[in-house]
Each structure stands twice: as structure tokens, then as C-alpha cells.
Amino acid sequence: MISIYVHPTCTSCRKAVALLEASGARVERRDYFRDRFSADELRDVLARAGRTPSEMLSTRAKAYRDLDIAGRGLDDEALLAAMAEEPTLLRRPLAISGHRSTVGFNAGALTELAEADRTA
């Protein structure tokens, strides 16, 4: 099963879900804007993905500039809290299967996840 965390209006998210589903992968989708993460839950998701909050921080998000995230020097715990409060700060889509993960729309990496899921 591939867990994918998305925002339904995000083009990259829609493309990633479509690619996974077309490949026959079993996909569990979560809109983390409608069904928001708590900081603890997000910590667990990122640990499963093998990613740190700073790796998953979307520096292109409007909230990143508006909240002056760069200038505040936040540690990972503070970033988790900010991401839970403002989901646009989390890069997307995030897809996880077993010990593998990929962020953003990367057709090759998503295809590898799908192939690993089908053979699992």
C-alpha cells in the first residue's frame, strides 16, 4: 500500500495520484488540508518517510514568506508545529511505501514505488 499525502487542487498531487493508480498500485490518499495533521502525527509520517521537517519545508509557500520562517531560525519541533498549523508549509505530494518515499512529482520515483508495491 502506498500512502500519499496531497492537496486536491495541487496539479503535482493530482498527477502523482493518477500515475500511481494507472500503474495498478494500491493507493491510500489523504488530503492533509481537509484532514490536518497534528504535530505528533506529522512527526510519525515524516519518520516513516525518512525525512526531517527541514527537508520537507516548502520554501516556495506564501506562508513561508509571510511567517518569516527563514528569519526565525526554527528548530525541527517548531517547524512541525508550524506545518501542522499551516499545511502549505509542507512540500507535496509525499508518497510513502515501506521504507521508500518520494516528494513532489517525480515520475521515475513514483513508478519505482508502484512497482515495489505490486511485488510486495
C-alpha atoms as a PDB file:
ATOM      1  CA  MET A   1       0.000   0.000   0.000  1.00  0.00           C
ATOM      2  CA  ILE A   2       1.261   3.451  -0.921  1.00  0.00           C
ATOM      3  CA  SER A   3       0.247   6.284   1.373  1.00  0.00           C
ATOM      4  CA  ILE A   4       0.119   9.598  -0.452  1.00  0.00           C
ATOM      5  CA  TYR A   5      -0.456  12.937   1.215  1.00  0.00           C
ATOM      6  CA  VAL A   6      -1.965  15.547  -1.090  1.00  0.00           C
ATOM      7  CA  HIS A   7      -3.862  18.761  -1.613  1.00  0.00           C
ATOM      8  CA  PRO A   8      -6.570  18.074  -4.242  1.00  0.00           C
ATOM      9  CA  THR A   9      -6.076  21.427  -6.007  1.00  0.00           C
ATOM     10  CA  CYS A  10      -2.342  20.788  -6.440  1.00  0.00           C
ATOM     11  CA  THR A  11      -1.513  19.783 -10.028  1.00  0.00           C
ATOM     12  CA  SER A  12       1.530  17.745  -8.954  1.00  0.00           C
ATOM     13  CA  CYS A  13      -0.597  15.872  -6.420  1.00  0.00           C
ATOM     14  CA  ARG A  14      -3.276  15.027  -8.985  1.00  0.00           C
ATOM     15  CA  LYS A  15      -0.641  13.855 -11.480  1.00  0.00           C
ATOM     16  CA  ALA A  16       1.063  11.697  -8.834  1.00  0.00           C
ATOM     17  CA  VAL A  17      -2.184  10.014  -7.771  1.00  0.00           C
ATOM     18  CA  ALA A  18      -3.161   9.411 -11.411  1.00  0.00           C
ATOM     19  CA  LEU A  19       0.228   7.855 -12.203  1.00  0.00           C
ATOM     20  CA  LEU A  20       0.084   5.550  -9.164  1.00  0.00           C
ATOM     21  CA  GLU A  21      -3.488   4.476  -9.817  1.00  0.00           C
ATOM     22  CA  ALA A  22      -2.819   3.909 -13.538  1.00  0.00           C
ATOM     23  CA  SER A  23       0.122   1.680 -12.597  1.00  0.00           C
ATOM     24  CA  GLY A  24      -2.183  -0.556 -10.550  1.00  0.00           C
ATOM     25  CA  ALA A  25      -0.662   0.390  -7.192  1.00  0.00           C
ATOM     26  CA  ARG A  26      -2.791   0.228  -4.070  1.00  0.00           C
ATOM     27  CA  VAL A  27      -3.129   3.860  -3.010  1.00  0.00           C
ATOM     28  CA  GLU A  28      -4.351   5.334   0.246  1.00  0.00           C
ATOM     29  CA  ARG A  29      -4.820   9.068  -0.279  1.00  0.00           C
ATOM     30  CA  ARG A  30      -5.096  11.737   2.409  1.00  0.00           C
ATOM     31  CA  ASP A  31      -5.956  15.369   1.818  1.00  0.00           C
ATOM     32  CA  TYR A  32      -3.957  16.857   4.671  1.00  0.00           C
ATOM     33  CA  PHE A  33      -5.544  20.258   4.153  1.00  0.00           C
ATOM     34  CA  ARG A  34      -9.028  18.910   4.942  1.00  0.00           C
ATOM     35  CA  ASP A  35      -7.806  16.221   7.367  1.00  0.00           C
ATOM     36  CA  ARG A  36      -4.960  18.092   9.025  1.00  0.00           C
ATOM     37  CA  PHE A  37      -2.009  16.522  10.787  1.00  0.00           C
ATOM     38  CA  SER A  38      -1.276  17.089  14.431  1.00  0.00           C
ATOM     39  CA  ALA A  39       2.409  17.807  15.117  1.00  0.00           C
ATOM     40  CA  ASP A  40       2.788  14.315  16.639  1.00  0.00           C
ATOM     41  CA  GLU A  41       1.145  12.634  13.664  1.00  0.00           C
ATOM     42  CA  LEU A  42       3.263  14.632  11.224  1.00  0.00           C
ATOM     43  CA  ARG A  43       6.406  13.641  13.163  1.00  0.00           C
ATOM     44  CA  ASP A  44       5.445   9.973  12.700  1.00  0.00           C
ATOM     45  CA  VAL A  45       4.677  10.388   8.979  1.00  0.00           C
ATOM     46  CA  LEU A  46       7.999  12.107   8.337  1.00  0.00           C
ATOM     47  CA  ALA A  47       9.858   9.452  10.332  1.00  0.00           C
ATOM     48  CA  ARG A  48       8.221   6.740   8.160  1.00  0.00           C
ATOM     49  CA  ALA A  49       9.338   8.702   5.100  1.00  0.00           C
ATOM     50  CA  GLY A  50      12.875   9.069   6.454  1.00  0.00           C
ATOM     51  CA  ARG A  51      12.605  12.858   6.134  1.00  0.00           C
ATOM     52  CA  THR A  52      13.220  15.724   8.517  1.00  0.00           C
ATOM     53  CA  PRO A  53      10.896  18.704   8.893  1.00  0.00           C
ATOM     54  CA  SER A  54      13.537  20.997   7.387  1.00  0.00           C
ATOM     55  CA  GLU A  55      13.774  18.707   4.307  1.00  0.00           C
ATOM     56  CA  MET A  56      10.005  18.848   3.912  1.00  0.00           C
ATOM     57  CA  LEU A  57       9.671  22.614   4.314  1.00  0.00           C
ATOM     58  CA  SER A  58       8.168  24.322   1.276  1.00  0.00           C
ATOM     59  CA  THR A  59      10.209  27.475   0.854  1.00  0.00           C
ATOM     60  CA  ARG A  60       8.001  28.430  -2.123  1.00  0.00           C
ATOM     61  CA  ALA A  61       4.870  28.675   0.028  1.00  0.00           C
ATOM     62  CA  LYS A  62       3.401  32.115   0.618  1.00  0.00           C
ATOM     63  CA  ALA A  63       3.164  31.254   4.327  1.00  0.00           C
ATOM     64  CA  TYR A  64       6.940  30.666   4.383  1.00  0.00           C
ATOM     65  CA  ARG A  65       7.459  34.324   3.462  1.00  0.00           C
ATOM     66  CA  ASP A  66       4.507  35.690   5.435  1.00  0.00           C
ATOM     67  CA  LEU A  67       5.575  33.953   8.649  1.00  0.00           C
ATOM     68  CA  ASP A  68       9.262  34.798   8.049  1.00  0.00           C
ATOM     69  CA  ILE A  69      10.207  31.153   8.609  1.00  0.00           C
ATOM     70  CA  ALA A  70      13.726  31.714   7.219  1.00  0.00           C
ATOM     71  CA  GLY A  71      14.423  34.605   9.569  1.00  0.00           C
ATOM     72  CA  ARG A  72      13.123  32.888  12.691  1.00  0.00           C
ATOM     73  CA  GLY A  73      15.664  30.043  12.830  1.00  0.00           C
ATOM     74  CA  LEU A  74      13.091  27.428  13.864  1.00  0.00           C
ATOM     75  CA  ASP A  75      14.238  24.000  15.031  1.00  0.00           C
ATOM     76  CA  ASP A  76      12.547  20.812  13.799  1.00  0.00           C
ATOM     77  CA  GLU A  77       9.975  20.777  16.613  1.00  0.00           C
ATOM     78  CA  ALA A  78       8.942  24.351  15.874  1.00  0.00           C
ATOM     79  CA  LEU A  79       8.778  23.538  12.148  1.00  0.00           C
ATOM     80  CA  LEU A  80       6.492  20.584  12.879  1.00  0.00           C
ATOM     81  CA  ALA A  81       4.186  22.839  14.881  1.00  0.00           C
ATOM     82  CA  ALA A  82       4.179  25.438  12.092  1.00  0.00           C
ATOM     83  CA  MET A  83       3.463  22.776   9.436  1.00  0.00           C
ATOM     84  CA  ALA A  84       0.589  21.370  11.487  1.00  0.00           C
ATOM     85  CA  GLU A  85      -0.847  24.871  11.825  1.00  0.00           C
ATOM     86  CA  GLU A  86      -0.195  25.892   8.208  1.00  0.00           C
ATOM     87  CA  PRO A  87      -0.208  22.859   5.846  1.00  0.00           C
ATOM     88  CA  THR A  88       1.076  24.868   2.869  1.00  0.00           C
ATOM     89  CA  LEU A  89       4.495  24.743   4.567  1.00  0.00           C
ATOM     90  CA  LEU A  90       4.746  21.001   3.855  1.00  0.00           C
ATOM     91  CA  ARG A  91       6.101  20.019   0.438  1.00  0.00           C
ATOM     92  CA  ARG A  92       3.736  17.877  -1.582  1.00  0.00           C
ATOM     93  CA  PRO A  93       2.865  15.316  -2.633  1.00  0.00           C
ATOM     94  CA  LEU A  94       4.559  12.978  -0.209  1.00  0.00           C
ATOM     95  CA  ALA A  95       4.283   9.291  -1.118  1.00  0.00           C
ATOM     96  CA  ILE A  96       5.452   6.508   1.203  1.00  0.00           C
ATOM     97  CA  SER A  97       5.641   2.759   0.711  1.00  0.00           C
ATOM     98  CA  GLY A  98       7.560   0.605   3.147  1.00  0.00           C
ATOM     99  CA  HIS A  99      10.973   2.182   3.653  1.00  0.00           C
ATOM    100  CA  ARG A 100      10.777   4.228   0.457  1.00  0.00           C
ATOM    101  CA  SER A 101       9.398   7.688  -0.090  1.00  0.00           C
ATOM    102  CA  THR A 102       9.322  10.438  -2.676  1.00  0.00           C
ATOM    103  CA  VAL A 103       8.394  14.105  -2.534  1.00  0.00           C
ATOM    104  CA  GLY A 104       6.987  16.170  -5.363  1.00  0.00           C
ATOM    105  CA  PHE A 105       6.020  14.852  -8.761  1.00  0.00           C
ATOM    106  CA  ASN A 106       8.885  12.613  -9.842  1.00  0.00           C
ATOM    107  CA  ALA A 107       7.522  10.122 -12.377  1.00  0.00           C
ATOM    108  CA  GLY A 108      10.519   7.783 -12.078  1.00  0.00           C
ATOM    109  CA  ALA A 109      10.437   7.642  -8.275  1.00  0.00           C
ATOM    110  CA  LEU A 110       6.644   7.211  -8.238  1.00  0.00           C
ATOM    111  CA  THR A 111       6.886   4.404 -10.785  1.00  0.00           C
ATOM    112  CA  GLU A 112       9.507   2.672  -8.611  1.00  0.00           C
ATOM    113  CA  LEU A 113       7.183   2.948  -5.587  1.00  0.00           C
ATOM    114  CA  ALA A 114       4.336   1.486  -7.626  1.00  0.00           C
ATOM    115  CA  GLU A 115       6.475  -1.404  -8.871  1.00  0.00           C
ATOM    116  CA  ALA A 116       7.673  -2.162  -5.345  1.00  0.00           C
ATOM    117  CA  ASP A 117       4.059  -2.078  -4.121  1.00  0.00           C
ATOM    118  CA  ARG A 118       2.897  -4.512  -6.814  1.00  0.00           C
ATOM    119  CA  THR A 119       5.650  -7.014  -5.949  1.00  0.00           C
ATOM    120  CA  ALA A 120       5.163  -6.737  -2.179  1.00  0.00           C
END
